[in-house]
Protein backbone atom coordinates (compact mmCIF):
# COMPACT_ATOMS: atom_id res chain seq x y z
CA MET A 1 -0.14 0.09 -0.14
CA LEU A 2 1.07 3.62 -0.72
CA PRO A 3 1.85 5.79 2.14
CA ALA A 4 -0.36 8.57 2.89
CA PRO A 5 -0.25 11.51 0.43
CA ASP A 6 1.36 13.92 3.06
CA ALA A 7 4.03 11.20 4.08
CA ALA A 8 5.19 10.79 0.52
CA PRO A 9 8.22 12.00 -0.49
CA ARG A 10 7.92 15.17 -2.75
CA MET A 11 9.65 15.78 -5.92
CA THR A 12 12.69 18.13 -5.34
CA PRO A 13 11.67 21.26 -7.02
CA THR A 14 14.29 23.21 -9.38
CA LEU A 15 14.22 26.23 -11.11
CA SER A 16 13.17 24.54 -14.56
CA ALA A 17 10.30 22.55 -12.78
CA ALA A 18 7.65 25.10 -12.83
CA ILE A 19 4.48 23.83 -14.37
CA THR A 20 2.99 25.36 -17.11
CA ALA A 21 0.25 24.67 -19.81
CA LEU A 22 0.24 24.80 -23.59
CA PRO A 23 -1.29 28.20 -24.82
CA LEU A 24 -4.31 26.22 -26.28
CA PRO A 25 -7.90 25.53 -25.78
CA PRO A 26 -8.61 22.53 -23.18
CA SER A 27 -9.57 19.30 -24.27
CA LEU A 28 -12.52 17.69 -22.82
CA LEU A 29 -10.82 14.46 -22.07
CA GLY A 30 -7.19 14.74 -23.31
CA GLU A 31 -5.13 11.44 -23.50
CA SER A 32 -2.42 9.83 -25.12
CA PRO A 33 0.33 12.18 -25.69
CA LEU A 34 2.82 11.18 -27.70
CA TRP A 35 6.12 12.76 -28.63
CA HIS A 36 6.93 11.82 -32.15
CA PRO A 37 10.64 10.68 -32.09
CA ASP A 38 11.09 11.47 -36.02
CA GLU A 39 8.88 14.43 -36.46
CA GLN A 40 9.80 16.10 -33.30
CA LEU A 41 5.93 16.94 -32.56
CA LEU A 42 3.57 16.26 -29.69
CA TYR A 43 0.28 14.78 -30.50
CA TRP A 44 -2.39 14.05 -28.27
CA CYS A 45 -6.12 12.84 -28.29
CA ASP A 46 -9.23 14.37 -26.99
CA ILE A 47 -11.49 11.13 -26.65
CA PRO A 48 -15.21 12.75 -26.32
CA GLY A 49 -14.16 15.51 -28.61
CA ARG A 50 -13.34 13.17 -31.36
CA ARG A 51 -10.32 15.01 -32.00
CA LEU A 52 -6.34 14.33 -32.66
CA ASN A 53 -4.20 17.15 -31.82
CA ARG A 54 -0.62 18.13 -32.94
CA TRP A 55 1.69 20.76 -31.50
CA GLN A 56 5.10 22.30 -32.72
CA PRO A 57 6.76 23.81 -29.78
CA VAL A 58 9.35 25.54 -31.82
CA THR A 59 6.75 27.44 -33.77
CA GLY A 60 3.81 27.32 -31.60
CA GLU A 61 1.77 25.80 -34.39
CA HIS A 62 -1.27 23.80 -33.46
CA ARG A 63 -3.14 21.68 -35.96
CA HIS A 64 -6.15 18.99 -35.28
CA TRP A 65 -8.09 16.58 -37.12
CA ASP A 66 -11.75 15.62 -36.25
CA PHE A 67 -13.38 12.37 -36.71
CA PRO A 68 -16.61 10.52 -36.77
CA CYS A 69 -15.88 8.49 -33.48
CA GLU A 70 -13.40 8.49 -30.56
CA PRO A 71 -9.82 8.43 -31.19
CA SER A 72 -8.30 7.11 -27.87
CA CYS A 73 -4.50 6.60 -28.43
CA CYS A 74 -1.83 7.22 -31.46
CA VAL A 75 1.25 5.50 -31.77
CA PRO A 76 3.93 6.05 -34.71
CA LEU A 77 4.24 3.81 -37.41
CA LEU A 78 7.58 2.66 -39.03
CA GLY A 79 7.76 4.54 -42.42
CA GLY A 80 5.52 7.42 -41.43
CA GLY A 81 2.34 7.99 -40.32
CA LEU A 82 0.29 7.07 -37.26
CA LEU A 83 -1.63 4.15 -36.13
CA LEU A 84 -4.90 5.38 -34.32
CA ALA A 85 -7.00 3.20 -32.03
CA MET A 86 -10.51 4.34 -32.20
CA ARG A 87 -14.01 3.06 -31.31
CA ASP A 88 -14.57 1.51 -34.80
CA GLY A 89 -11.23 -0.18 -35.10
CA LEU A 90 -7.50 0.30 -35.85
CA TRP A 91 -6.63 2.76 -38.47
CA ARG A 92 -3.37 3.91 -40.19
CA PHE A 93 -3.49 7.98 -40.39
CA ASP A 94 -1.79 10.28 -42.60
CA PRO A 95 -1.57 13.57 -40.90
CA GLU A 96 -0.43 15.21 -44.24
CA SER A 97 -3.39 14.08 -46.04
CA GLY A 98 -5.98 13.68 -43.27
CA GLU A 99 -6.89 10.32 -44.68
CA ARG A 100 -7.27 6.96 -42.65
CA SER A 101 -7.37 3.64 -44.06
CA PRO A 102 -8.33 0.19 -42.24
CA LEU A 103 -6.08 -1.89 -40.21
CA ALA A 104 -8.27 -3.97 -38.03
CA GLU A 105 -11.69 -4.68 -37.01
CA PRO A 106 -12.47 -3.99 -33.17
CA PRO A 107 -12.63 -7.18 -31.29
CA TYR A 108 -15.83 -5.98 -29.30
CA ASP A 109 -19.24 -4.50 -29.83
CA PRO A 110 -18.48 -0.79 -30.58
CA ALA A 111 -22.03 0.13 -28.87
CA ARG A 112 -20.65 -1.33 -25.53
CA GLN A 113 -16.86 -1.02 -25.72
CA ARG A 114 -13.98 1.33 -27.32
CA PHE A 115 -10.32 1.10 -27.33
CA ASN A 116 -8.56 3.01 -24.62
CA ASP A 117 -4.61 3.04 -23.89
CA GLY A 118 -2.35 1.80 -26.45
CA LYS A 119 1.69 1.80 -26.72
CA ALA A 120 4.08 -0.22 -29.04
CA ASP A 121 6.85 -2.50 -27.36
CA VAL A 122 10.61 -2.54 -27.86
CA GLN A 123 10.13 -4.93 -30.81
CA GLY A 124 7.57 -2.70 -32.46
CA ARG A 125 4.36 -5.06 -31.43
CA PHE A 126 1.16 -2.94 -30.98
CA TRP A 127 -0.45 -3.52 -27.46
CA VAL A 128 -4.07 -1.95 -26.67
CA GLY A 129 -6.61 -2.01 -24.09
CA THR A 130 -10.44 -1.41 -24.15
CA ILE A 131 -12.98 0.05 -21.91
CA ASP A 132 -16.18 -1.19 -20.93
CA ASP A 133 -18.98 1.88 -21.24
CA ARG A 134 -21.10 0.19 -18.60
CA ARG A 135 -18.22 -0.34 -16.33
CA ALA A 136 -18.60 -4.08 -16.46
CA PRO A 137 -15.35 -6.23 -16.12
CA GLU A 138 -15.51 -7.54 -19.72
CA ALA A 139 -12.77 -5.08 -21.06
CA ALA A 140 -9.26 -7.10 -21.89
CA LEU A 141 -5.82 -6.16 -23.40
CA TYR A 142 -4.90 -7.00 -27.25
CA ARG A 143 -1.70 -7.43 -28.96
CA LEU A 144 -1.72 -6.92 -32.99
CA ALA A 145 -0.23 -9.57 -34.98
CA ASP A 146 -0.73 -10.34 -38.54
CA GLY A 147 -3.37 -8.00 -38.93
CA ARG A 148 -5.53 -9.52 -36.01
CA LEU A 149 -5.90 -8.48 -32.58
CA GLN A 150 -5.05 -11.42 -30.02
CA SER A 151 -6.65 -11.08 -26.50
CA ILE A 152 -3.93 -11.55 -23.92
CA ALA A 153 -5.54 -10.59 -20.70
CA GLU A 154 -9.21 -10.25 -19.70
CA GLY A 155 -11.66 -9.59 -16.97
CA ILE A 156 -11.04 -5.82 -16.19
CA THR A 157 -13.08 -2.66 -16.68
CA VAL A 158 -10.67 0.21 -17.76
CA SER A 159 -7.38 -0.91 -19.43
CA ASN A 160 -4.64 1.74 -18.74
CA GLY A 161 -1.13 2.27 -17.89
CA LEU A 162 0.53 0.36 -20.43
CA ALA A 163 4.53 0.97 -20.30
CA PHE A 164 7.59 -0.97 -20.93
CA ALA A 165 10.74 -1.20 -19.18
CA PRO A 166 13.57 0.07 -21.02
CA ASP A 167 15.06 -3.31 -21.94
CA GLY A 168 11.51 -4.52 -22.78
CA ARG A 169 11.65 -7.26 -20.13
CA THR A 170 8.82 -5.79 -17.86
CA MET A 171 5.13 -4.70 -19.13
CA TYR A 172 3.20 -2.69 -16.81
CA TRP A 173 -0.60 -2.64 -17.14
CA ALA A 174 -3.40 -1.17 -15.25
CA ASP A 175 -7.20 -1.52 -14.28
CA THR A 176 -8.16 1.80 -13.54
CA GLN A 177 -11.54 0.80 -11.91
CA SER A 178 -10.07 -1.60 -9.61
CA HIS A 179 -6.85 0.76 -8.69
CA VAL A 180 -4.38 -1.80 -9.37
CA VAL A 181 -1.00 -1.60 -11.66
CA TRP A 182 0.42 -5.06 -12.61
CA ALA A 183 3.95 -6.00 -13.69
CA PHE A 184 4.46 -8.96 -16.07
CA ASP A 185 7.62 -10.47 -17.42
CA SER A 186 7.85 -9.80 -21.15
CA ASP A 187 9.88 -11.88 -23.72
CA PRO A 188 11.17 -9.23 -26.03
CA GLY A 189 11.53 -12.09 -28.77
CA ASN A 190 8.18 -13.28 -28.78
CA GLY A 191 6.26 -10.72 -26.75
CA ASN A 192 4.86 -13.53 -24.50
CA LEU A 193 3.87 -12.42 -20.94
CA SER A 194 4.49 -14.53 -17.62
CA ARG A 195 4.65 -13.95 -13.76
CA ARG A 196 1.84 -11.55 -13.70
CA ARG A 197 1.90 -9.64 -9.90
CA VAL A 198 0.61 -6.93 -8.55
CA PHE A 199 3.09 -4.02 -8.90
CA GLN A 200 1.05 -1.19 -6.88
CA ARG A 201 -2.49 -1.33 -5.29
CA PHE A 202 -3.94 1.87 -4.28
CA ALA A 203 -6.82 2.47 -1.93
CA LEU A 204 -10.52 2.69 -3.13
CA ARG A 205 -12.43 5.86 -2.59
CA ALA A 206 -14.53 5.33 0.43
CA GLU A 207 -18.09 6.53 0.50
CA GLY A 208 -18.49 9.98 1.39
CA GLN A 209 -14.44 10.53 1.16
CA PRO A 210 -13.73 14.08 -0.01
CA LEU A 211 -11.65 14.36 -3.14
CA ALA A 212 -8.86 16.40 -1.16
CA ALA A 213 -8.30 13.00 1.04
CA TYR A 214 -8.46 10.71 -1.84
CA GLY A 215 -5.13 9.47 -3.32
CA GLY A 216 -6.73 8.89 -7.02
CA ARG A 217 -6.59 5.83 -9.37
CA PRO A 218 -3.90 4.70 -11.90
CA ASP A 219 -4.64 6.24 -15.27
CA GLY A 220 -2.04 6.61 -18.26
CA ALA A 221 1.92 5.95 -17.69
CA THR A 222 5.21 6.08 -18.95
CA VAL A 223 8.53 4.70 -18.13
CA ASP A 224 11.72 7.05 -17.91
CA ALA A 225 15.58 6.20 -18.90
CA GLU A 226 16.25 4.82 -15.26
CA GLY A 227 13.38 2.51 -15.70
CA ALA A 228 11.06 4.43 -13.14
CA TYR A 229 7.18 4.06 -13.73
CA TRP A 230 5.32 7.47 -13.91
CA VAL A 231 1.67 7.18 -13.20
CA ALA A 232 -1.17 9.74 -13.38
CA MET A 233 -3.52 9.70 -10.44
CA PHE A 234 -6.77 10.41 -11.76
CA GLU A 235 -9.02 12.29 -9.40
CA GLY A 236 -5.62 12.37 -7.20
CA GLN A 237 -4.15 15.43 -8.55
CA ARG A 238 -0.85 13.97 -8.88
CA LEU A 239 2.05 12.20 -10.54
CA LEU A 240 3.71 9.35 -8.96
CA ARG A 241 7.25 8.08 -9.84
CA PHE A 242 7.94 4.27 -8.65
CA SER A 243 11.29 2.26 -9.04
CA PRO A 244 11.23 -0.88 -11.15
CA GLU A 245 10.83 -2.57 -7.46
CA GLY A 246 7.76 -0.59 -6.52
CA VAL A 247 9.45 1.67 -4.18
CA LEU A 248 7.67 5.22 -4.40
CA LEU A 249 10.43 7.73 -5.46
CA ALA A 250 8.33 10.78 -5.73
CA GLU A 251 5.12 12.51 -6.04
CA LEU A 252 4.29 15.53 -8.10
CA PRO A 253 1.24 17.65 -6.99
CA LEU A 254 -0.54 19.16 -9.80
CA PRO A 255 -2.76 22.14 -10.49
CA VAL A 256 -5.58 19.81 -11.93
CA ARG A 257 -7.66 17.27 -10.33
CA CYS A 258 -7.69 14.76 -13.05
CA PRO A 259 -4.18 13.97 -14.91
CA THR A 260 -4.68 11.29 -17.40
CA MET A 261 -1.13 10.27 -19.14
CA PRO A 262 2.39 11.51 -19.14
CA CYS A 263 4.85 11.31 -21.79
CA PHE A 264 8.30 12.75 -22.34
CA GLY A 265 9.41 15.09 -25.19
CA GLY A 266 11.50 17.64 -26.56
CA PRO A 267 14.93 17.29 -27.98
CA ASP A 268 16.52 16.10 -24.95
CA LEU A 269 13.25 14.16 -23.69
CA LYS A 270 13.39 16.04 -20.29
CA THR A 271 10.15 17.78 -20.87
CA LEU A 272 7.24 16.09 -19.47
CA TYR A 273 3.90 16.63 -20.91
CA ILE A 274 0.73 15.76 -19.03
CA THR A 275 -2.80 15.40 -20.47
CA THR A 276 -5.61 16.01 -18.29
CA ALA A 277 -9.51 16.21 -18.19
CA ARG A 278 -12.24 18.31 -17.70
CA ALA A 279 -15.24 16.63 -19.00
CA ASN A 280 -17.90 15.66 -16.28
CA ARG A 281 -16.05 17.76 -13.52
CA PRO A 282 -18.03 19.76 -10.86
CA ALA A 283 -18.48 23.35 -12.00
CA GLU A 284 -17.00 24.80 -8.87
CA GLU A 285 -13.85 22.49 -9.55
CA LEU A 286 -13.55 23.92 -12.89
CA ALA A 287 -13.78 27.31 -11.59
CA ALA A 288 -10.70 26.54 -9.14
CA GLN A 289 -8.83 24.84 -11.64
CA PRO A 290 -8.84 26.73 -14.91
CA LEU A 291 -6.10 24.38 -16.49
CA ALA A 292 -8.52 21.38 -16.52
CA GLY A 293 -8.20 19.87 -19.74
CA CYS A 294 -4.92 21.50 -20.87
CA VAL A 295 -1.39 19.92 -21.65
CA LEU A 296 0.67 20.47 -18.79
CA GLN A 297 4.53 20.88 -19.38
CA LEU A 298 7.65 20.95 -16.95
CA ARG A 299 11.06 20.04 -17.14
CA VAL A 300 12.44 17.04 -15.18
CA ASP A 301 15.93 15.77 -14.56
CA VAL A 302 16.00 12.22 -15.90
CA PRO A 303 14.92 12.07 -19.76
CA GLY A 304 12.40 9.53 -20.80
CA LEU A 305 12.63 6.93 -23.76
CA PRO A 306 11.99 7.48 -27.48
CA ALA A 307 8.22 6.27 -28.38
CA HIS A 308 8.89 2.83 -30.08
CA LEU A 309 7.59 2.66 -33.66
CA VAL A 310 4.72 0.18 -34.49
CA HIS A 311 5.94 -2.33 -37.07
CA LEU A 312 3.06 -3.62 -39.28
């Protein structure tokens, strides 16, 4: 179990660690930030807004593309373009033309589920989980192979927290609803998983517990160059950084209640970008937290890892 928030070690502040927001309109539910390793641009999704965003930090150029259904995550493709996981399946997307072409049908009923968190592993395999709209434990984790999605793990409600150790031998995966993050041994050669174990288990919110006393639940995550696991705690107003052994190394308080996912970017991979949410939040909370839904950014001492490209 984690220590109480006031007992957790705080991230040591530095002169460059001030948190700011990209000067852009907020998303309803910002998710899946991606620093493209070739383009040196930041992408992220607004899931209920049905929009993919792109930000050029040097020029300040902001582009976006709107879709007929929700995009949940974006991953760079070997050879150019993006893989988009959307409610209606997996798609190849060309940002220059704005065209998308189908890659795989959804392995679920789109009236009841959609894709959620997705990442590529060290070998270029694409992993993606789902979310059940009814909050039933019928979501799953899939791996794309030979144009088909293979079910790897089932019985959860909200798939999240996907990340891989620098050597690819550990995979992390969370069920936000149950407040659990698992770790698996991963074979980089064939992608097989084994030795599933609880990496972190967080306290559920008690009935009537005020949000200020609630630590949040694990949402999106990333891993840095030291192998530390960074996880956004939705409704917990913080990021947590854990060692590969599960030791809490640092807590980063945030100016918004609902962070959704961090990623590392910039030429040196020392800029931490954090997507956040404002959809369905109370009016008084939004009035007190005007950055809700914005992409936050800050500088950190330990760099991240370049995003892996999907090999189709």
